[in-house]
């Protein structure tokens, strides 16, 4: 599973998106959230 994992300043846990099932629109919205810390991990 290819996944994008990121955390935000206001959330205590990471958010994981399965890149095979998550729409690009949903992913783009999440990546532009104002509270995003910018720490990303892409797992393959």
Protein backbone atom coordinates (compact mmCIF):
# COMPACT_ATOMS: atom_id res chain seq x y z
CA UNK A 1 0.00 0.00 0.00
CA UNK A 2 1.34 3.41 -0.93
CA UNK A 3 0.48 5.85 1.85
CA UNK A 4 0.99 9.47 2.76
CA UNK A 5 1.37 10.06 6.49
CA UNK A 6 1.40 13.52 8.05
CA UNK A 7 0.79 15.19 11.37
CA UNK A 8 -0.60 18.58 12.31
CA UNK A 9 0.17 20.96 15.15
CA UNK A 10 -3.30 20.63 16.67
CA UNK A 11 -3.71 16.87 16.26
CA UNK A 12 -1.83 14.52 18.54
CA UNK A 13 -1.80 11.64 16.06
CA UNK A 14 -0.76 11.25 12.45
CA UNK A 15 -3.19 11.17 9.56
CA UNK A 16 -2.68 8.42 7.01
CA UNK A 17 -4.11 8.44 3.49
CA UNK A 18 -4.08 5.34 1.30
CA UNK A 19 -2.97 6.81 -2.03
CA UNK A 20 -4.71 4.02 -3.95
CA UNK A 21 -8.15 4.93 -2.60
CA UNK A 22 -7.95 8.62 -1.63
CA UNK A 23 -9.03 11.16 -4.24
CA UNK A 24 -6.52 13.83 -5.23
CA UNK A 25 -9.01 16.54 -4.27
CA UNK A 26 -9.27 15.16 -0.71
CA UNK A 27 -5.50 14.81 -0.45
CA UNK A 28 -4.90 18.35 -1.78
CA UNK A 29 -7.39 19.81 0.71
CA UNK A 30 -5.66 18.00 3.58
CA UNK A 31 -2.19 19.12 2.47
CA UNK A 32 -3.28 22.77 2.44
CA UNK A 33 -4.84 22.70 5.91
CA UNK A 34 -3.71 25.74 7.94
CA UNK A 35 -2.66 23.62 10.94
CA UNK A 36 -0.42 21.26 8.95
CA UNK A 37 3.10 20.85 10.34
CA UNK A 38 4.65 19.89 7.01
CA UNK A 39 6.11 16.61 8.19
CA UNK A 40 5.34 14.03 5.51
CA UNK A 41 6.25 10.37 5.10
CA UNK A 42 5.46 8.48 1.92
CA UNK A 43 5.45 4.72 2.40
CA UNK A 44 5.44 2.28 -0.47
